[in-house]
Protein backbone atom coordinates (compact mmCIF):
# COMPACT_ATOMS: atom_id res chain seq x y z
CA UNK A 1 20.56 -86.29 -21.32
CA UNK A 2 20.10 -82.72 -20.54
CA UNK A 3 22.11 -82.49 -17.50
CA UNK A 4 25.00 -84.39 -19.62
CA UNK A 5 24.51 -81.86 -22.53
CA UNK A 6 24.74 -78.86 -19.64
CA UNK A 7 27.92 -80.33 -18.28
CA UNK A 8 29.17 -81.00 -22.18
CA UNK A 9 29.10 -76.91 -22.30
CA UNK A 10 30.19 -76.01 -19.33
CA UNK A 11 33.58 -78.10 -19.87
CA UNK A 12 34.17 -77.37 -23.37
CA UNK A 13 33.25 -73.37 -23.53
CA UNK A 14 35.89 -70.82 -22.85
CA UNK A 15 35.70 -68.29 -20.29
CA UNK A 16 34.20 -65.19 -21.73
CA UNK A 17 37.03 -63.18 -19.68
CA UNK A 18 39.52 -64.71 -22.61
CA UNK A 19 38.14 -62.44 -24.73
CA UNK A 20 38.45 -59.16 -22.87
CA UNK A 21 40.74 -56.31 -24.05
CA UNK A 22 43.01 -56.42 -20.76
CA UNK A 23 43.26 -59.98 -20.64
CA UNK A 24 44.31 -60.09 -24.14
CA UNK A 25 46.36 -57.17 -23.98
CA UNK A 26 44.96 -55.53 -26.86
CA UNK A 27 45.18 -51.88 -27.74
CA UNK A 28 42.13 -49.78 -26.79
CA UNK A 29 40.92 -46.73 -28.61
CA UNK A 30 37.94 -45.86 -26.52
CA UNK A 31 35.19 -47.15 -23.91
CA UNK A 32 33.15 -47.56 -27.09
CA UNK A 33 35.77 -49.76 -29.28
CA UNK A 34 36.39 -51.93 -26.38
CA UNK A 35 32.77 -52.69 -25.71
CA UNK A 36 32.24 -53.50 -29.55
CA UNK A 37 34.98 -55.87 -29.77
CA UNK A 38 34.29 -57.44 -26.33
CA UNK A 39 30.57 -58.02 -27.48
CA UNK A 40 31.81 -59.71 -30.86
CA UNK A 41 33.81 -61.87 -28.20
CA UNK A 42 30.73 -62.71 -25.98
CA UNK A 43 28.67 -63.31 -28.96
CA UNK A 44 31.08 -66.01 -30.36
CA UNK A 45 31.19 -67.75 -27.39
CA UNK A 46 27.41 -67.65 -26.78
CA UNK A 47 27.36 -69.20 -30.12
CA UNK A 48 29.76 -71.86 -29.09
CA UNK A 49 27.91 -72.74 -26.06
CA UNK A 50 24.58 -73.11 -27.47
CA UNK A 51 26.72 -75.55 -29.85
CA UNK A 52 28.07 -77.40 -27.06
CA UNK A 53 25.17 -77.94 -25.38
CA UNK A 54 22.77 -79.16 -28.71
CA UNK A 55 21.84 -82.44 -29.32
CA UNK A 56 22.46 -81.88 -32.98
CA UNK A 57 24.04 -79.56 -35.64
CA UNK A 58 20.52 -78.06 -35.94
CA UNK A 59 19.33 -78.03 -32.75
CA UNK A 60 21.28 -74.58 -31.59
CA UNK A 61 19.40 -72.67 -34.44
CA UNK A 62 16.77 -70.88 -32.46
CA UNK A 63 19.16 -69.69 -29.86
CA UNK A 64 21.70 -68.52 -32.41
CA UNK A 65 18.50 -66.34 -34.27
CA UNK A 66 17.77 -64.41 -31.03
CA UNK A 67 21.33 -63.24 -31.49
CA UNK A 68 20.97 -59.32 -32.26
CA UNK A 69 21.59 -58.94 -36.14
CA UNK A 70 25.11 -57.28 -35.59
CA UNK A 71 26.67 -60.25 -33.70
CA UNK A 72 24.98 -63.02 -35.06
CA UNK A 73 27.26 -63.92 -37.68
CA UNK A 74 30.07 -64.09 -34.87
CA UNK A 75 27.70 -66.33 -33.16
CA UNK A 76 27.33 -68.83 -36.02
CA UNK A 77 31.04 -68.65 -36.11
CA UNK A 78 31.47 -69.92 -32.51
CA UNK A 79 28.66 -72.41 -33.05
CA UNK A 80 30.45 -74.27 -35.67
CA UNK A 81 33.89 -74.34 -33.83
CA UNK A 82 31.97 -75.99 -31.13
CA UNK A 83 30.60 -78.40 -33.35
CA UNK A 84 33.97 -78.97 -35.18
CA UNK A 85 35.44 -79.76 -31.68
CA UNK A 86 33.06 -82.20 -30.25
CA UNK A 87 33.77 -84.04 -33.95
CA UNK A 88 37.16 -84.04 -33.17
CA UNK A 89 36.60 -86.00 -30.19
CA UNK A 90 37.26 -89.32 -29.59
CA UNK A 91 33.98 -90.35 -28.90
CA UNK A 92 32.39 -87.30 -30.86
CA UNK A 93 29.15 -87.72 -33.72
CA UNK A 94 30.91 -87.05 -37.32
CA UNK A 95 27.85 -85.27 -38.74
CA UNK A 96 27.24 -82.12 -36.68
CA UNK A 97 29.06 -79.77 -39.05
CA UNK A 98 27.15 -81.11 -41.73
CA UNK A 99 23.75 -80.93 -40.11
CA UNK A 100 24.62 -77.20 -39.11
CA UNK A 101 25.11 -76.38 -43.16
CA UNK A 102 22.36 -78.12 -44.08
CA UNK A 103 19.86 -75.59 -41.99
CA UNK A 104 20.42 -72.24 -41.11
CA UNK A 105 23.99 -72.57 -41.03
CA UNK A 106 24.23 -72.50 -45.01
CA UNK A 107 22.95 -68.91 -44.73
CA UNK A 108 26.46 -68.08 -42.39
CA UNK A 109 28.31 -70.75 -44.20
CA UNK A 110 31.59 -68.24 -44.64
CA UNK A 111 31.38 -67.54 -40.76
CA UNK A 112 30.88 -71.51 -40.26
CA UNK A 113 34.06 -72.36 -42.11
CA UNK A 114 36.06 -69.91 -40.36
CA UNK A 115 34.62 -71.40 -36.90
CA UNK A 116 35.99 -74.78 -38.42
CA UNK A 117 39.39 -73.23 -38.51
CA UNK A 118 39.11 -72.15 -34.84
CA UNK A 119 38.52 -75.74 -34.09
CA UNK A 120 41.65 -76.55 -36.34
CA UNK A 121 43.71 -74.30 -33.84
CA UNK A 122 42.42 -76.10 -30.39
CA UNK A 123 42.60 -79.90 -31.81
CA UNK A 124 45.69 -81.99 -31.83
CA UNK A 125 46.91 -82.07 -35.65
CA UNK A 126 46.35 -86.13 -35.75
CA UNK A 127 42.72 -85.10 -35.13
CA UNK A 128 42.38 -82.69 -38.20
CA UNK A 129 41.32 -85.27 -40.82
CA UNK A 130 37.75 -84.73 -38.88
CA UNK A 131 37.49 -81.29 -39.96
CA UNK A 132 34.69 -80.85 -42.15
CA UNK A 133 35.13 -78.42 -44.68
CA UNK A 134 34.37 -80.19 -48.35
CA UNK A 135 33.58 -77.35 -50.56
CA UNK A 136 37.53 -76.82 -52.26
CA UNK A 137 36.92 -73.32 -53.14
CA UNK A 138 35.87 -72.64 -49.41
CA UNK A 139 38.26 -74.67 -47.55
CA UNK A 140 40.86 -71.92 -47.48
CA UNK A 141 38.81 -69.97 -45.03
CA UNK A 142 39.21 -72.94 -42.67
CA UNK A 143 42.73 -71.31 -42.66
CA UNK A 144 42.09 -67.73 -42.49
CA UNK A 145 39.99 -69.05 -39.29
CA UNK A 146 42.98 -70.95 -37.90
CA UNK A 147 45.04 -68.04 -38.52
CA UNK A 148 42.79 -65.58 -36.64
CA UNK A 149 42.88 -67.54 -33.67
CA UNK A 150 46.47 -67.80 -33.54
CA UNK A 151 47.12 -64.22 -33.78
CA UNK A 152 44.22 -63.48 -31.20
CA UNK A 153 45.09 -66.20 -28.49
CA UNK A 154 49.17 -66.42 -29.35
CA UNK A 155 49.59 -62.73 -30.22
CA UNK A 156 52.99 -62.09 -29.31
CA UNK A 157 54.08 -64.83 -31.54
CA UNK A 158 52.08 -64.33 -34.53
CA UNK A 159 51.65 -60.54 -34.20
CA UNK A 160 54.79 -59.43 -32.11
CA UNK A 161 57.46 -61.95 -33.44
CA UNK A 162 55.59 -62.75 -36.83
CA UNK A 163 55.82 -66.22 -36.33
CA UNK A 164 55.01 -68.26 -39.93
CA UNK A 165 55.02 -72.06 -40.21
CA UNK A 166 56.73 -73.43 -43.25
CA UNK A 167 55.31 -76.28 -45.10
CA UNK A 168 51.84 -75.99 -43.09
CA UNK A 169 50.46 -79.31 -43.23
CA UNK A 170 47.11 -78.59 -44.29
CA UNK A 171 45.01 -78.79 -46.47
CA UNK A 172 45.68 -82.31 -47.37
CA UNK A 173 44.83 -84.60 -50.15
CA UNK A 174 46.06 -84.41 -54.20
CA UNK A 175 44.37 -80.98 -54.49
CA UNK A 176 45.37 -79.66 -51.29
CA UNK A 177 49.27 -80.69 -51.59
CA UNK A 178 49.44 -78.99 -55.20
CA UNK A 179 48.55 -75.62 -53.34
CA UNK A 180 50.08 -76.14 -50.28
CA UNK A 181 52.84 -73.44 -50.88
CA UNK A 182 49.25 -71.14 -50.41
CA UNK A 183 48.22 -72.40 -46.78
CA UNK A 184 50.20 -69.19 -45.16
CA UNK A 185 48.58 -66.54 -47.39
CA UNK A 186 45.37 -68.17 -46.51
CA UNK A 187 46.72 -68.14 -42.59
CA UNK A 188 47.88 -64.15 -43.09
CA UNK A 189 44.38 -63.24 -44.40
CA UNK A 190 43.05 -64.65 -40.87
CA UNK A 191 45.74 -62.72 -39.19
CA UNK A 192 44.78 -59.79 -41.12
CA UNK A 193 41.50 -59.92 -39.29
CA UNK A 194 42.65 -60.26 -36.18
CA UNK A 195 44.97 -57.25 -36.41
CA UNK A 196 41.73 -55.38 -36.50
CA UNK A 197 40.82 -56.77 -33.08
CA UNK A 198 44.27 -56.78 -31.58
CA UNK A 199 44.49 -52.85 -32.83
CA UNK A 200 41.60 -52.06 -30.95
CA UNK A 201 39.97 -51.02 -34.45
CA UNK A 202 42.20 -47.97 -33.93
CA UNK A 203 43.43 -47.55 -37.89
CA UNK A 204 46.44 -46.05 -37.00
CA UNK A 205 47.51 -49.04 -34.84
CA UNK A 206 46.25 -51.84 -37.02
CA UNK A 207 48.48 -50.17 -39.91
CA UNK A 208 51.50 -50.17 -37.40
CA UNK A 209 51.01 -53.62 -36.45
CA UNK A 210 50.71 -54.50 -40.56
CA UNK A 211 53.26 -52.42 -41.94
CA UNK A 212 56.12 -54.33 -39.00
CA UNK A 213 55.86 -57.53 -40.93
CA UNK A 214 58.17 -58.28 -43.72
CA UNK A 215 56.10 -56.32 -47.09
CA UNK A 216 55.77 -59.61 -48.68
CA UNK A 217 52.88 -60.45 -46.22
CA UNK A 218 51.38 -56.69 -46.32
CA UNK A 219 48.82 -57.46 -49.26
CA UNK A 220 47.29 -60.39 -47.53
CA UNK A 221 46.73 -58.65 -44.10
CA UNK A 222 45.38 -55.56 -45.36
CA UNK A 223 42.73 -57.91 -47.25
CA UNK A 224 42.15 -59.17 -43.96
CA UNK A 225 42.00 -56.17 -41.88
CA UNK A 226 39.47 -54.54 -44.57
CA UNK A 227 36.88 -57.57 -44.17
CA UNK A 228 37.23 -56.96 -40.45
CA UNK A 229 37.03 -53.10 -40.69
CA UNK A 230 33.54 -53.53 -42.77
CA UNK A 231 31.90 -56.80 -41.03
CA UNK A 232 32.79 -55.91 -37.49
CA UNK A 233 33.13 -52.26 -37.61
CA UNK A 234 33.89 -50.18 -34.44
CA UNK A 235 34.97 -47.04 -36.65
CA UNK A 236 33.34 -43.76 -37.80
CA UNK A 237 33.73 -42.95 -41.19
CA UNK A 238 36.64 -40.76 -40.93
CA UNK A 239 38.50 -43.89 -39.05
CA UNK A 240 37.36 -45.70 -42.41
CA UNK A 241 38.77 -43.04 -44.64
CA UNK A 242 41.91 -42.93 -42.66
CA UNK A 243 42.42 -46.56 -42.95
CA UNK A 244 41.61 -45.92 -46.72
CA UNK A 245 44.30 -43.41 -47.00
CA UNK A 246 47.27 -45.18 -44.72
CA UNK A 247 46.79 -48.26 -46.56
CA UNK A 248 46.84 -46.61 -50.06
CA UNK A 249 49.10 -49.37 -51.77
CA UNK A 250 46.80 -52.04 -50.93
CA UNK A 251 43.92 -50.36 -52.16
CA UNK A 252 42.67 -53.81 -54.06
CA UNK A 253 42.95 -55.88 -51.16
CA UNK A 254 41.42 -53.82 -48.89
CA UNK A 255 38.20 -53.72 -51.35
CA UNK A 256 38.41 -57.52 -51.91
CA UNK A 257 38.04 -57.87 -48.60
CA UNK A 258 35.41 -55.27 -47.86
CA UNK A 259 33.66 -57.07 -50.81
CA UNK A 260 33.72 -60.66 -49.02
CA UNK A 261 32.40 -59.03 -45.72
CA UNK A 262 29.63 -57.63 -47.68
CA UNK A 263 28.91 -60.85 -49.43
CA UNK A 264 28.75 -62.54 -45.97
CA UNK A 265 26.21 -60.34 -44.28
CA UNK A 266 24.47 -59.82 -47.35
CA UNK A 267 24.05 -64.13 -47.69
CA UNK A 268 22.96 -64.15 -43.81
CA UNK A 269 20.53 -61.24 -44.26
CA UNK A 270 22.69 -59.35 -41.46
CA UNK A 271 23.38 -56.10 -43.22
CA UNK A 272 23.71 -53.04 -40.66
CA UNK A 273 24.02 -49.35 -41.65
CA UNK A 274 28.41 -49.90 -41.07
CA UNK A 275 28.38 -52.37 -43.51
CA UNK A 276 26.92 -49.97 -46.26
CA UNK A 277 29.10 -47.40 -45.22
CA UNK A 278 32.50 -49.15 -45.24
CA UNK A 279 31.42 -50.76 -48.69
CA UNK A 280 30.41 -47.32 -49.96
CA UNK A 281 33.91 -46.28 -48.86
CA UNK A 282 36.37 -49.35 -49.71
CA UNK A 283 34.48 -50.48 -52.99
CA UNK A 284 32.42 -47.11 -54.14
CA UNK A 285 29.18 -49.22 -53.81
CA UNK A 286 26.57 -50.73 -52.20
CA UNK A 287 26.62 -54.10 -50.01
CA UNK A 288 24.27 -55.67 -52.32
CA UNK A 289 26.32 -54.40 -55.58
CA UNK A 290 29.46 -55.67 -53.82
CA UNK A 291 27.60 -58.99 -53.25
CA UNK A 292 26.53 -59.09 -56.83
CA UNK A 293 30.91 -58.92 -57.61
CA UNK A 294 31.64 -61.35 -55.93
CA UNK A 295 28.87 -63.40 -57.08
CA UNK A 296 29.68 -62.89 -60.59
CA UNK A 297 33.54 -63.41 -60.21
CA UNK A 298 32.42 -66.95 -59.40
CA UNK A 299 31.15 -67.54 -62.98
CA UNK A 300 33.98 -70.21 -64.77
CA UNK A 301 35.99 -70.02 -61.50
CA UNK A 302 39.03 -73.05 -61.52
CA UNK A 303 42.44 -73.20 -60.40
CA UNK A 304 44.73 -71.09 -62.93
CA UNK A 305 48.02 -72.86 -63.31
CA UNK A 306 49.87 -72.06 -59.58
CA UNK A 307 47.17 -70.55 -58.41
CA UNK A 308 44.30 -71.93 -56.46
CA UNK A 309 40.55 -71.13 -57.54
CA UNK A 310 40.24 -68.81 -53.88
CA UNK A 311 43.14 -66.60 -55.25
CA UNK A 312 41.93 -66.33 -58.52
CA UNK A 313 38.35 -65.17 -57.20
CA UNK A 314 40.25 -62.68 -54.82
CA UNK A 315 41.61 -61.33 -57.75
CA UNK A 316 39.02 -61.04 -60.04
CA UNK A 317 37.11 -58.83 -57.42
CA UNK A 318 40.03 -56.51 -56.90
CA UNK A 319 40.28 -56.21 -60.59
CA UNK A 320 36.44 -55.12 -60.77
CA UNK A 321 37.01 -52.19 -58.13
CA UNK A 322 39.91 -50.68 -59.91
CA UNK A 323 38.24 -47.91 -61.00
CA UNK A 324 37.24 -46.75 -57.30
CA UNK A 325 40.60 -48.13 -56.10
CA UNK A 326 42.44 -45.68 -58.51
CA UNK A 327 40.03 -42.94 -57.80
């Protein structure tokens, strides 16, 4: 069985070369920026490989916990993708992601749902029904992950030509159908996160890429970029402030994305100095305080009219940072 699992890992795991900046054709700001982003990609694929080989959804935990703090969340994201891909195979077990989320994966639940979205992009559409994303609020993160994947791997189409699929067929079911119009907003949040990578963490280049999109898409794209700038980093204080300055018209969205990143880092116990710096600049407060804002915004949260609860949550968080945003 160990030989079978090793073969499964080898067959399912993408090559680490796919995450190299020169292979992807992404903007390179500096050697340090390239090293950071390629380490993020390698960490993601390491987590994917651990989960591709693991017997159950939780057997990958010991190896995932050995990934350095700054990159561990990406490894958990990759692990969730691998488990979701395995569930999508005709012979796949159907409880892998649920098992994963019942253990240490719960600390990384945001990244895990994003990882499921990566799997969505790799599975045929008739297998999307296998995706395990039971939380009606966090389910939108699956589309965030899908958007990131498409912008990262199909950059010319999704970033260069601004492709957007009409009537995106997910999430399914009565609730999903009611808010199906929102799918592209969630996808754009993921595309915005990917823009931080495509632009090589260079604020000038990231903003240039975003501003080439139709104006009605900018808010979601800036939110995603703000999240990635805070969670992944790759910039110093002056560059963070430059991004804040260039995105002045979308500071509420940048602050919201930064707060989401702070919440994800704090929940998983993965806060590093860069996260504190970015949260101070974008939200005017600490990681823990920003996380508290996101938690308080969950109180009494429901769908509101035509808006899904996810978008209501985002708007509440933006409003909570209004004083800092207008400063």
